[in-house]
Amino acid sequence: MSFQQFLQSIRSSRLVSVAKHWDEARRGKRMPGWGDIRPSVIKAQLPIVWSWRFDDVSQQFVGRLAGNEIERAFGQSFRGRAMADVFKDHDYEKFRARHTRVMQEPALFIGRGLVFRHLKRLDVGERIVMPLAEDGVQGDGVLGATDAKTRVGQVNDELVREGEEESWFALEP
């Protein structure tokens, strides 16, 4: 599937802006690097943007950026922290597998539904995850954004099982 199909599948206008910037930042490369991302271009969306870099030595994802809305949902910043520590009580293996797939295939991801259910929150929305590669070829991290609204009520087992609908798009060479 093409980037255009991915873009057309995104419902949130905030996420569309982030995805379009990711695409523009590629400048002819398969994937943009972290250095190609320009916060000033997506400053209105920065509160919902987050990023992880992959450390080849430790074989871990390490937090690079978490916008204000993301930090508020997590109750903490994950900048400079290992994903294993941030998600230790929140289905770490699922998130590591998702981010690894995005980075290595490379692939583009969209998730909809209870986007922060691992935090036992009632946040309904949409998230995107896109690969980063400083050399434009070999994935070395991910850039994502999560646009969510909090639902009023109690988290129950049924809602947690309801989870998130996932869509994957292969990134064409």
Protein backbone atom coordinates (compact mmCIF):
# COMPACT_ATOMS: atom_id res chain seq x y z
CA MET A 1 0.00 0.00 0.00
CA SER A 2 1.14 3.51 -0.65
CA PHE A 3 1.67 6.44 1.66
CA GLN A 4 -1.36 8.06 0.01
CA GLN A 5 -3.57 5.14 1.09
CA PHE A 6 -2.22 5.49 4.63
CA LEU A 7 -2.88 9.23 4.59
CA GLN A 8 -6.42 8.78 3.27
CA SER A 9 -7.14 6.29 6.07
CA ILE A 10 -6.33 8.78 8.83
CA ARG A 11 -9.45 10.42 10.29
CA SER A 12 -7.91 13.00 12.65
CA SER A 13 -6.91 16.25 10.96
CA ARG A 14 -4.19 16.68 13.59
CA LEU A 15 -2.70 13.32 12.65
CA VAL A 16 -2.99 14.11 8.93
CA SER A 17 -0.80 17.18 9.53
CA VAL A 18 1.86 15.09 11.30
CA ALA A 19 1.80 12.41 8.57
CA LYS A 20 2.07 15.00 5.80
CA HIS A 21 5.09 16.56 7.50
CA TRP A 22 6.71 13.10 7.85
CA ASP A 23 6.19 12.57 4.12
CA GLU A 24 7.56 16.01 3.18
CA ALA A 25 10.56 15.48 5.48
CA ARG A 26 11.56 12.40 3.45
CA ARG A 27 12.66 14.64 0.56
CA GLY A 28 12.98 11.72 -1.84
CA LYS A 29 14.23 9.21 0.75
CA ARG A 30 12.26 6.17 1.81
CA MET A 31 12.10 7.44 5.41
CA PRO A 32 13.06 10.73 7.05
CA GLY A 33 15.60 10.89 9.83
CA TRP A 34 14.98 12.54 13.18
CA GLY A 35 17.03 15.50 11.96
CA ASP A 36 14.64 15.98 9.03
CA ILE A 37 11.61 16.55 11.29
CA ARG A 38 10.91 20.25 11.82
CA PRO A 39 8.92 20.94 15.00
CA SER A 40 8.05 24.44 13.78
CA VAL A 41 6.09 22.91 10.89
CA ILE A 42 3.92 20.84 13.25
CA LYS A 43 3.98 23.12 16.29
CA ALA A 44 0.18 23.01 16.65
CA GLN A 45 0.38 19.19 16.80
CA LEU A 46 3.44 18.91 19.09
CA PRO A 47 1.35 18.24 22.22
CA ILE A 48 0.23 14.90 20.70
CA VAL A 49 3.54 13.91 19.07
CA TRP A 50 5.95 11.35 20.50
CA SER A 51 9.07 9.56 19.32
CA TRP A 52 11.37 6.68 20.27
CA ARG A 53 14.89 6.02 18.99
CA PHE A 54 16.31 2.53 18.82
CA ASP A 55 19.62 2.03 20.61
CA ASP A 56 21.66 -0.60 18.74
CA VAL A 57 23.90 -1.26 21.74
CA SER A 58 21.18 -1.93 24.33
CA GLN A 59 18.66 -3.17 21.72
CA GLN A 60 16.07 -0.96 23.41
CA PHE A 61 13.78 1.83 22.37
CA VAL A 62 14.60 5.04 24.25
CA GLY A 63 12.20 7.97 24.56
CA ARG A 64 13.11 10.92 22.40
CA LEU A 65 10.05 13.17 22.67
CA ALA A 66 6.65 13.21 24.35
CA GLY A 67 4.32 16.16 23.84
CA ASN A 68 2.35 17.70 26.70
CA GLU A 69 -0.83 15.71 26.05
CA ILE A 70 1.15 12.46 25.90
CA GLU A 71 2.99 13.25 29.13
CA ARG A 72 -0.34 14.08 30.79
CA ALA A 73 -1.82 10.71 29.71
CA PHE A 74 1.21 8.81 31.01
CA GLY A 75 1.62 10.97 34.08
CA GLN A 76 5.32 11.30 33.25
CA SER A 77 7.82 12.18 30.58
CA PHE A 78 9.56 9.31 28.86
CA ARG A 79 12.30 11.37 27.25
CA GLY A 80 15.61 9.55 27.76
CA ARG A 81 13.93 6.56 29.39
CA ALA A 82 13.90 2.99 28.12
CA MET A 83 10.55 1.83 26.74
CA ALA A 84 10.90 -1.29 28.89
CA ASP A 85 10.79 0.93 31.99
CA VAL A 86 7.99 3.21 30.80
CA PHE A 87 5.76 0.28 29.74
CA LYS A 88 6.89 -2.27 32.36
CA ASP A 89 3.37 -2.51 33.78
CA HIS A 90 1.58 -1.75 30.51
CA ASP A 91 1.96 -4.53 27.92
CA TYR A 92 5.56 -3.68 27.00
CA GLU A 93 6.01 -6.61 24.58
CA LYS A 94 3.05 -5.47 22.48
CA PHE A 95 4.41 -1.95 22.10
CA ARG A 96 7.97 -3.12 21.44
CA ALA A 97 6.70 -5.51 18.75
CA ARG A 98 4.59 -2.77 17.12
CA HIS A 99 7.42 -0.23 17.05
CA THR A 100 9.93 -2.84 15.86
CA ARG A 101 7.67 -3.82 12.97
CA VAL A 102 7.16 -0.18 11.95
CA MET A 103 10.91 0.43 12.06
CA GLN A 104 12.17 -2.79 10.45
CA GLU A 105 9.70 -3.62 7.66
CA PRO A 106 9.28 -0.56 7.40
CA ALA A 107 5.55 -0.05 7.82
CA LEU A 108 3.00 2.63 8.68
CA PHE A 109 0.49 2.02 11.48
CA ILE A 110 -2.93 3.41 12.39
CA GLY A 111 -4.78 2.43 15.55
CA ARG A 112 -8.27 3.50 16.58
CA GLY A 113 -10.36 2.92 19.67
CA LEU A 114 -9.24 2.93 23.29
CA VAL A 115 -5.78 4.27 22.60
CA PHE A 116 -4.57 4.45 26.22
CA ARG A 117 -6.32 1.35 27.58
CA HIS A 118 -2.98 -0.02 28.82
CA LEU A 119 -3.05 2.91 31.27
CA LYS A 120 -6.60 1.97 32.36
CA ARG A 121 -7.90 5.21 30.85
CA LEU A 122 -11.00 5.85 28.76
CA ASP A 123 -9.29 7.77 25.97
CA VAL A 124 -10.88 7.13 22.60
CA GLY A 125 -9.07 8.25 19.51
CA GLU A 126 -6.55 7.47 16.86
CA ARG A 127 -2.77 7.02 16.72
CA ILE A 128 -0.24 6.79 13.93
CA VAL A 129 3.29 5.40 13.98
CA MET A 130 5.83 6.00 11.18
CA PRO A 131 9.46 4.88 10.82
CA LEU A 132 12.53 7.09 11.05
CA ALA A 133 15.92 6.40 9.48
CA GLU A 134 18.80 8.86 9.64
CA ASP A 135 20.29 7.32 6.47
CA GLY A 136 16.85 7.13 4.82
CA VAL A 137 17.10 3.34 4.52
CA GLN A 138 17.75 1.51 7.80
CA GLY A 139 15.11 2.22 10.45
CA ASP A 140 16.47 3.63 13.70
CA GLY A 141 13.34 4.86 15.46
CA VAL A 142 9.70 5.83 15.16
CA LEU A 143 7.66 9.01 15.11
CA GLY A 144 4.09 8.85 16.30
CA ALA A 145 1.15 10.92 17.39
CA THR A 146 -1.97 10.10 19.37
CA ASP A 147 -5.13 12.22 19.15
CA ALA A 148 -7.57 11.21 21.89
CA LYS A 149 -10.53 12.43 23.86
CA THR A 150 -11.25 11.19 27.39
CA ARG A 151 -14.59 9.45 27.88
CA VAL A 152 -16.35 9.92 31.18
CA GLY A 153 -16.97 6.74 33.15
CA GLN A 154 -15.22 3.79 34.66
CA VAL A 155 -12.81 1.47 32.92
CA ASN A 156 -14.20 -2.04 32.92
CA ASP A 157 -12.92 -5.34 31.56
CA GLU A 158 -15.24 -5.20 28.53
CA LEU A 159 -13.89 -1.82 27.44
CA VAL A 160 -10.31 -2.95 27.94
CA ARG A 161 -10.94 -6.04 25.78
CA GLU A 162 -12.63 -3.82 23.16
CA GLY A 163 -9.20 -2.34 22.60
CA GLU A 164 -7.94 -0.83 19.43
CA GLU A 165 -8.55 -1.50 15.74
CA GLU A 166 -5.23 -1.73 13.88
CA SER A 167 -4.35 -1.02 10.24
CA TRP A 168 -0.94 -1.63 8.71
CA PHE A 169 0.50 -0.23 5.49
CA ALA A 170 3.75 -1.45 3.95
CA LEU A 171 6.05 1.41 3.07
CA GLU A 172 6.97 1.11 -0.57
CA PRO A 173 10.65 1.39 -1.54
